[in-house]
């Protein structure tokens, strides 16, 4: 195989590799965009869960001791 044939063959290999890598890059960029959307949504849901948990703690009945007995009081 002459030099010209080797150059042509190698260029063909590199073209195929470049095409494959371009496809992978598109997939990576698409996934990154999805994550950019998902992250604030997840943060918002976590904040809601924390707020609900705090509300539940404040609203839960607390035991009260009256003359040695436990009584549950409503908030």
PDB file of N, CA and C in Angstrom:
ATOM      1  N   UNK A   1       0.855  -1.159   0.000  1.00  0.00           N
ATOM      2  CA  UNK A   1       0.000   0.000   0.000  1.00  0.00           C
ATOM      3  C   UNK A   1       0.906   1.228   0.000  1.00  0.00           C
ATOM      4  N   UNK A   2       0.627   2.123  -0.884  1.00  0.00           N
ATOM      5  CA  UNK A   2       1.446   3.317  -0.997  1.00  0.00           C
ATOM      6  C   UNK A   2       1.057   4.364   0.032  1.00  0.00           C
ATOM      7  N   UNK A   3       1.871   5.391   0.075  1.00  0.00           N
ATOM      8  CA  UNK A   3       1.632   6.469   1.030  1.00  0.00           C
ATOM      9  C   UNK A   3       0.269   7.122   0.813  1.00  0.00           C
ATOM     10  N   UNK A   4      -0.095   7.339  -0.425  1.00  0.00           N
ATOM     11  CA  UNK A   4      -1.359   7.984  -0.727  1.00  0.00           C
ATOM     12  C   UNK A   4      -2.538   7.144  -0.237  1.00  0.00           C
ATOM     13  N   UNK A   5      -2.466   5.828  -0.440  1.00  0.00           N
ATOM     14  CA  UNK A   5      -3.543   4.947   0.009  1.00  0.00           C
ATOM     15  C   UNK A   5      -3.663   4.957   1.532  1.00  0.00           C
ATOM     16  N   UNK A   6      -2.521   4.970   2.219  1.00  0.00           N
ATOM     17  CA  UNK A   6      -2.541   5.006   3.689  1.00  0.00           C
ATOM     18  C   UNK A   6      -3.152   6.308   4.186  1.00  0.00           C
ATOM     19  N   UNK A   7      -2.809   7.389   3.530  1.00  0.00           N
ATOM     20  CA  UNK A   7      -3.369   8.684   3.922  1.00  0.00           C
ATOM     21  C   UNK A   7      -4.881   8.695   3.712  1.00  0.00           C
ATOM     22  N   UNK A   8      -5.330   8.205   2.577  1.00  0.00           N
ATOM     23  CA  UNK A   8      -6.766   8.164   2.280  1.00  0.00           C
ATOM     24  C   UNK A   8      -7.494   7.270   3.276  1.00  0.00           C
ATOM     25  N   UNK A   9      -6.927   6.106   3.592  1.00  0.00           N
ATOM     26  CA  UNK A   9      -7.545   5.175   4.542  1.00  0.00           C
ATOM     27  C   UNK A   9      -7.623   5.800   5.931  1.00  0.00           C
ATOM     28  N   UNK A  10      -6.525   6.452   6.343  1.00  0.00           N
ATOM     29  CA  UNK A  10      -6.515   7.065   7.678  1.00  0.00           C
ATOM     30  C   UNK A  10      -7.510   8.223   7.751  1.00  0.00           C
ATOM     31  N   UNK A  11      -7.581   9.021   6.699  1.00  0.00           N
ATOM     32  CA  UNK A  11      -8.536  10.128   6.671  1.00  0.00           C
ATOM     33  C   UNK A  11      -9.965   9.594   6.776  1.00  0.00           C
ATOM     34  N   UNK A  12     -10.241   8.477   6.115  1.00  0.00           N
ATOM     35  CA  UNK A  12     -11.555   7.861   6.182  1.00  0.00           C
ATOM     36  C   UNK A  12     -11.861   7.392   7.612  1.00  0.00           C
ATOM     37  N   UNK A  13     -10.877   6.779   8.274  1.00  0.00           N
ATOM     38  CA  UNK A  13     -11.051   6.359   9.664  1.00  0.00           C
ATOM     39  C   UNK A  13     -11.343   7.554  10.566  1.00  0.00           C
ATOM     40  N   UNK A  14     -10.599   8.635  10.360  1.00  0.00           N
ATOM     41  CA  UNK A  14     -10.788   9.825  11.184  1.00  0.00           C
ATOM     42  C   UNK A  14     -12.135  10.487  10.923  1.00  0.00           C
ATOM     43  N   UNK A  15     -12.584  10.466   9.673  1.00  0.00           N
ATOM     44  CA  UNK A  15     -13.905  11.013   9.359  1.00  0.00           C
ATOM     45  C   UNK A  15     -14.997  10.231  10.078  1.00  0.00           C
ATOM     46  N   UNK A  16     -14.867   8.902  10.085  1.00  0.00           N
ATOM     47  CA  UNK A  16     -15.854   8.061  10.764  1.00  0.00           C
ATOM     48  C   UNK A  16     -15.827   8.329  12.266  1.00  0.00           C
ATOM     49  N   UNK A  17     -14.627   8.459  12.823  1.00  0.00           N
ATOM     50  CA  UNK A  17     -14.494   8.738  14.254  1.00  0.00           C
ATOM     51  C   UNK A  17     -15.077  10.113  14.587  1.00  0.00           C
ATOM     52  N   UNK A  18     -14.822  11.095  13.755  1.00  0.00           N
ATOM     53  CA  UNK A  18     -15.359  12.439  13.981  1.00  0.00           C
ATOM     54  C   UNK A  18     -16.879  12.411  13.962  1.00  0.00           C
ATOM     55  N   UNK A  19     -17.456  11.653  13.063  1.00  0.00           N
ATOM     56  CA  UNK A  19     -18.919  11.537  12.989  1.00  0.00           C
ATOM     57  C   UNK A  19     -19.478  10.883  14.259  1.00  0.00           C
ATOM     58  N   UNK A  20     -18.814   9.836  14.715  1.00  0.00           N
ATOM     59  CA  UNK A  20     -19.244   9.144  15.936  1.00  0.00           C
ATOM     60  C   UNK A  20     -19.147  10.075  17.146  1.00  0.00           C
ATOM     61  N   UNK A  21     -18.045  10.801  17.251  1.00  0.00           N
ATOM     62  CA  UNK A  21     -17.859  11.708  18.378  1.00  0.00           C
ATOM     63  C   UNK A  21     -18.853  12.869  18.333  1.00  0.00           C
ATOM     64  N   UNK A  22     -19.194  13.335  17.153  1.00  0.00           N
ATOM     65  CA  UNK A  22     -20.185  14.401  17.026  1.00  0.00           C
ATOM     66  C   UNK A  22     -21.541  13.915  17.535  1.00  0.00           C
ATOM     67  N   UNK A  23     -21.876  12.677  17.238  1.00  0.00           N
ATOM     68  CA  UNK A  23     -23.128  12.108  17.743  1.00  0.00           C
ATOM     69  C   UNK A  23     -23.116  11.999  19.256  1.00  0.00           C
ATOM     70  N   UNK A  24     -21.992  11.554  19.813  1.00  0.00           N
ATOM     71  CA  UNK A  24     -21.882  11.455  21.271  1.00  0.00           C
ATOM     72  C   UNK A  24     -21.969  12.829  21.914  1.00  0.00           C
ATOM     73  N   UNK A  25     -21.363  13.828  21.289  1.00  0.00           N
ATOM     74  CA  UNK A  25     -21.417  15.183  21.820  1.00  0.00           C
ATOM     75  C   UNK A  25     -22.849  15.704  21.842  1.00  0.00           C
ATOM     76  N   UNK A  26     -23.605  15.429  20.814  1.00  0.00           N
ATOM     77  CA  UNK A  26     -25.010  15.851  20.790  1.00  0.00           C
ATOM     78  C   UNK A  26     -25.791  15.194  21.922  1.00  0.00           C
ATOM     79  N   UNK A  27     -25.537  13.903  22.167  1.00  0.00           N
ATOM     80  CA  UNK A  27     -26.218  13.201  23.256  1.00  0.00           C
ATOM     81  C   UNK A  27     -25.859  13.815  24.610  1.00  0.00           C
ATOM     82  N   UNK A  28     -24.583  14.128  24.798  1.00  0.00           N
ATOM     83  CA  UNK A  28     -24.128  14.720  26.052  1.00  0.00           C
ATOM     84  C   UNK A  28     -24.766  16.091  26.254  1.00  0.00           C
ATOM     85  N   UNK A  29     -24.797  16.896  25.212  1.00  0.00           N
ATOM     86  CA  UNK A  29     -25.397  18.221  25.326  1.00  0.00           C
ATOM     87  C   UNK A  29     -26.887  18.136  25.641  1.00  0.00           C
ATOM     88  N   UNK A  30     -27.586  17.196  25.029  1.00  0.00           N
ATOM     89  CA  UNK A  30     -29.013  17.025  25.295  1.00  0.00           C
ATOM     90  C   UNK A  30     -29.242  16.610  26.749  1.00  0.00           C
ATOM     91  N   UNK A  31     -28.422  15.706  27.256  1.00  0.00           N
ATOM     92  CA  UNK A  31     -28.578  15.263  28.643  1.00  0.00           C
ATOM     93  C   UNK A  31     -28.261  16.397  29.612  1.00  0.00           C
ATOM     94  N   UNK A  32     -27.243  17.192  29.306  1.00  0.00           N
ATOM     95  CA  UNK A  32     -26.905  18.327  30.167  1.00  0.00           C
ATOM     96  C   UNK A  32     -28.060  19.314  30.229  1.00  0.00           C
ATOM     97  N   UNK A  33     -28.719  19.553  29.102  1.00  0.00           N
ATOM     98  CA  UNK A  33     -29.870  20.454  29.078  1.00  0.00           C
ATOM     99  C   UNK A  33     -31.004  19.905  29.940  1.00  0.00           C
ATOM    100  N   UNK A  34     -31.219  18.587  29.884  1.00  0.00           N
ATOM    101  CA  UNK A  34     -32.249  17.960  30.714  1.00  0.00           C
ATOM    102  C   UNK A  34     -31.934  18.143  32.194  1.00  0.00           C
ATOM    103  N   UNK A  35     -30.659  17.988  32.535  1.00  0.00           N
ATOM    104  CA  UNK A  35     -30.258  18.143  33.931  1.00  0.00           C
ATOM    105  C   UNK A  35     -30.394  19.591  34.396  1.00  0.00           C
ATOM    106  N   UNK A  36     -30.147  20.537  33.510  1.00  0.00           N
ATOM    107  CA  UNK A  36     -30.319  21.939  33.863  1.00  0.00           C
ATOM    108  C   UNK A  36     -31.774  22.251  34.198  1.00  0.00           C
ATOM    109  N   UNK A  37     -32.691  21.560  33.550  1.00  0.00           N
ATOM    110  CA  UNK A  37     -34.118  21.736  33.829  1.00  0.00           C
ATOM    111  C   UNK A  37     -34.500  20.981  35.103  1.00  0.00           C
ATOM    112  N   UNK A  38     -33.966  19.786  35.285  1.00  0.00           N
ATOM    113  CA  UNK A  38     -34.358  18.935  36.411  1.00  0.00           C
ATOM    114  C   UNK A  38     -33.839  19.457  37.750  1.00  0.00           C
ATOM    115  N   UNK A  39     -32.671  20.064  37.756  1.00  0.00           N
ATOM    116  CA  UNK A  39     -32.062  20.484  39.023  1.00  0.00           C
ATOM    117  C   UNK A  39     -32.927  21.482  39.794  1.00  0.00           C
ATOM    118  N   UNK A  40     -33.392  22.577  39.191  1.00  0.00           N
ATOM    119  CA  UNK A  40     -34.221  23.499  39.970  1.00  0.00           C
ATOM    120  C   UNK A  40     -35.556  22.880  40.401  1.00  0.00           C
ATOM    121  N   UNK A  41     -36.090  21.977  39.588  1.00  0.00           N
ATOM    122  CA  UNK A  41     -37.339  21.308  39.966  1.00  0.00           C
ATOM    123  C   UNK A  41     -37.104  20.461  41.210  1.00  0.00           C
ATOM    124  N   UNK A  42     -36.018  19.717  41.220  1.00  0.00           N
ATOM    125  CA  UNK A  42     -35.689  18.885  42.375  1.00  0.00           C
ATOM    126  C   UNK A  42     -35.450  19.744  43.613  1.00  0.00           C
ATOM    127  N   UNK A  43     -34.763  20.860  43.455  1.00  0.00           N
ATOM    128  CA  UNK A  43     -34.538  21.759  44.591  1.00  0.00           C
ATOM    129  C   UNK A  43     -35.858  22.296  45.127  1.00  0.00           C
ATOM    130  N   UNK A  44     -36.769  22.663  44.241  1.00  0.00           N
ATOM    131  CA  UNK A  44     -38.076  23.183  44.653  1.00  0.00           C
ATOM    132  C   UNK A  44     -38.866  22.117  45.419  1.00  0.00           C
ATOM    133  N   UNK A  45     -38.841  20.883  44.930  1.00  0.00           N
ATOM    134  CA  UNK A  45     -39.549  19.793  45.621  1.00  0.00           C
ATOM    135  C   UNK A  45     -38.947  19.536  46.998  1.00  0.00           C
ATOM    136  N   UNK A  46     -37.628  19.602  47.102  1.00  0.00           N
ATOM    137  CA  UNK A  46     -36.970  19.392  48.396  1.00  0.00           C
ATOM    138  C   UNK A  46     -37.360  20.500  49.367  1.00  0.00           C
ATOM    139  N   UNK A  47     -37.441  21.742  48.893  1.00  0.00           N
ATOM    140  CA  UNK A  47     -37.861  22.843  49.747  1.00  0.00           C
ATOM    141  C   UNK A  47     -39.302  22.645  50.225  1.00  0.00           C
ATOM    142  N   UNK A  48     -40.172  22.180  49.335  1.00  0.00           N
ATOM    143  CA  UNK A  48     -41.563  21.920  49.722  1.00  0.00           C
ATOM    144  C   UNK A  48     -41.634  20.825  50.778  1.00  0.00           C
ATOM    145  N   UNK A  49     -40.833  19.764  50.596  1.00  0.00           N
ATOM    146  CA  UNK A  49     -40.810  18.679  51.580  1.00  0.00           C
ATOM    147  C   UNK A  49     -40.351  19.191  52.944  1.00  0.00           C
ATOM    148  N   UNK A  50     -39.312  20.033  52.950  1.00  0.00           N
ATOM    149  CA  UNK A  50     -38.830  20.589  54.219  1.00  0.00           C
ATOM    150  C   UNK A  50     -39.908  21.447  54.874  1.00  0.00           C
ATOM    151  N   UNK A  51     -40.567  22.273  54.079  1.00  0.00           N
ATOM    152  CA  UNK A  51     -41.617  23.134  54.623  1.00  0.00           C
ATOM    153  C   UNK A  51     -42.767  22.298  55.181  1.00  0.00           C
ATOM    154  N   UNK A  52     -43.158  21.253  54.483  1.00  0.00           N
ATOM    155  CA  UNK A  52     -44.232  20.380  54.961  1.00  0.00           C
ATOM    156  C   UNK A  52     -43.824  19.665  56.242  1.00  0.00           C
ATOM    157  N   UNK A  53     -42.567  19.239  56.311  1.00  0.00           N
ATOM    158  CA  UNK A  53     -42.086  18.559  57.520  1.00  0.00           C
ATOM    159  C   UNK A  53     -42.089  19.511  58.704  1.00  0.00           C
ATOM    160  N   UNK A  54     -41.672  20.749  58.484  1.00  0.00           N
ATOM    161  CA  UNK A  54     -41.680  21.734  59.565  1.00  0.00           C
ATOM    162  C   UNK A  54     -43.110  22.030  60.016  1.00  0.00           C
ATOM    163  N   UNK A  55     -44.024  22.125  59.064  1.00  0.00           N
ATOM    164  CA  UNK A  55     -45.425  22.371  59.394  1.00  0.00           C
ATOM    165  C   UNK A  55     -46.001  21.208  60.180  1.00  0.00           C
ATOM    166  N   UNK A  56     -45.634  19.992  59.800  1.00  0.00           N
ATOM    167  CA  UNK A  56     -46.139  18.808  60.498  1.00  0.00           C
ATOM    168  C   UNK A  56     -45.632  18.768  61.934  1.00  0.00           C
ATOM    169  N   UNK A  57     -44.394  19.167  62.157  1.00  0.00           N
ATOM    170  CA  UNK A  57     -43.838  19.170  63.514  1.00  0.00           C
ATOM    171  C   UNK A  57     -44.555  20.199  64.365  1.00  0.00           C
ATOM    172  N   UNK A  58     -44.814  21.376  63.808  1.00  0.00           N
ATOM    173  CA  UNK A  58     -45.487  22.436  64.552  1.00  0.00           C
ATOM    174  C   UNK A  58     -46.932  22.044  64.837  1.00  0.00           C
ATOM    175  N   UNK A  59     -47.592  21.393  63.895  1.00  0.00           N
ATOM    176  CA  UNK A  59     -49.010  21.064  64.033  1.00  0.00           C
ATOM    177  C   UNK A  59     -49.268  19.770  64.794  1.00  0.00           C
ATOM    178  N   UNK A  60     -48.247  18.973  65.066  1.00  0.00           N
ATOM    179  CA  UNK A  60     -48.484  17.697  65.736  1.00  0.00           C
ATOM    180  C   UNK A  60     -48.801  17.933  67.209  1.00  0.00           C
ATOM    181  N   UNK A  61     -49.691  17.105  67.751  1.00  0.00           N
ATOM    182  CA  UNK A  61     -50.042  17.260  69.167  1.00  0.00           C
ATOM    183  C   UNK A  61     -48.849  16.936  70.053  1.00  0.00           C
ATOM    184  N   UNK A  62     -48.749  17.669  71.131  1.00  0.00           N
ATOM    185  CA  UNK A  62     -47.640  17.462  72.058  1.00  0.00           C
ATOM    186  C   UNK A  62     -48.181  16.840  73.338  1.00  0.00           C
ATOM    187  N   UNK A  63     -47.489  15.872  73.892  1.00  0.00           N
ATOM    188  CA  UNK A  63     -47.955  15.276  75.149  1.00  0.00           C
ATOM    189  C   UNK A  63     -47.804  16.285  76.290  1.00  0.00           C
ATOM    190  N   UNK A  64     -48.795  16.316  77.169  1.00  0.00           N
ATOM    191  CA  UNK A  64     -48.739  17.200  78.344  1.00  0.00           C
ATOM    192  C   UNK A  64     -48.900  16.334  79.589  1.00  0.00           C
ATOM    193  N   UNK A  65     -48.155  16.662  80.593  1.00  0.00           N
ATOM    194  CA  UNK A  65     -48.266  15.915  81.855  1.00  0.00           C
ATOM    195  C   UNK A  65     -49.193  16.677  82.789  1.00  0.00           C
ATOM    196  N   UNK A  66     -50.196  15.982  83.237  1.00  0.00           N
ATOM    197  CA  UNK A  66     -51.122  16.580  84.201  1.00  0.00           C
ATOM    198  C   UNK A  66     -51.217  15.622  85.369  1.00  0.00           C
ATOM    199  N   UNK A  67     -50.733  16.048  86.484  1.00  0.00           N
ATOM    200  CA  UNK A  67     -50.789  15.249  87.717  1.00  0.00           C
ATOM    201  C   UNK A  67     -50.315  13.828  87.476  1.00  0.00           C
ATOM    202  N   UNK A  68     -49.189  13.685  86.748  1.00  0.00           N
ATOM    203  CA  UNK A  68     -48.619  12.369  86.536  1.00  0.00           C
ATOM    204  C   UNK A  68     -49.201  11.594  85.377  1.00  0.00           C
ATOM    205  N   UNK A  69     -50.132  12.151  84.660  1.00  0.00           N
ATOM    206  CA  UNK A  69     -50.760  11.473  83.530  1.00  0.00           C
ATOM    207  C   UNK A  69     -50.347  12.157  82.233  1.00  0.00           C
ATOM    208  N   UNK A  70     -50.284  11.393  81.174  1.00  0.00           N
ATOM    209  CA  UNK A  70     -50.016  11.974  79.862  1.00  0.00           C
ATOM    210  C   UNK A  70     -51.350  12.281  79.204  1.00  0.00           C
ATOM    211  N   UNK A  71     -51.479  13.457  78.651  1.00  0.00           N
ATOM    212  CA  UNK A  71     -52.664  13.831  77.907  1.00  0.00           C
ATOM    213  C   UNK A  71     -52.185  14.410  76.580  1.00  0.00           C
ATOM    214  N   UNK A  72     -52.926  14.120  75.536  1.00  0.00           N
ATOM    215  CA  UNK A  72     -52.585  14.682  74.246  1.00  0.00           C
ATOM    216  C   UNK A  72     -53.405  15.946  74.046  1.00  0.00           C
ATOM    217  N   UNK A  73     -52.710  17.007  73.681  1.00  0.00           N
ATOM    218  CA  UNK A  73     -53.405  18.266  73.452  1.00  0.00           C
ATOM    219  C   UNK A  73     -53.417  18.574  71.973  1.00  0.00           C
ATOM    220  N   UNK A  74     -54.504  19.131  71.519  1.00  0.00           N
ATOM    221  CA  UNK A  74     -54.598  19.523  70.118  1.00  0.00           C
ATOM    222  C   UNK A  74     -53.895  20.854  69.953  1.00  0.00           C
ATOM    223  N   UNK A  75     -53.364  21.110  68.801  1.00  0.00           N
ATOM    224  CA  UNK A  75     -52.662  22.387  68.584  1.00  0.00           C
ATOM    225  C   UNK A  75     -53.623  23.556  68.562  1.00  0.00           C
TER     226      UNK A  75
END
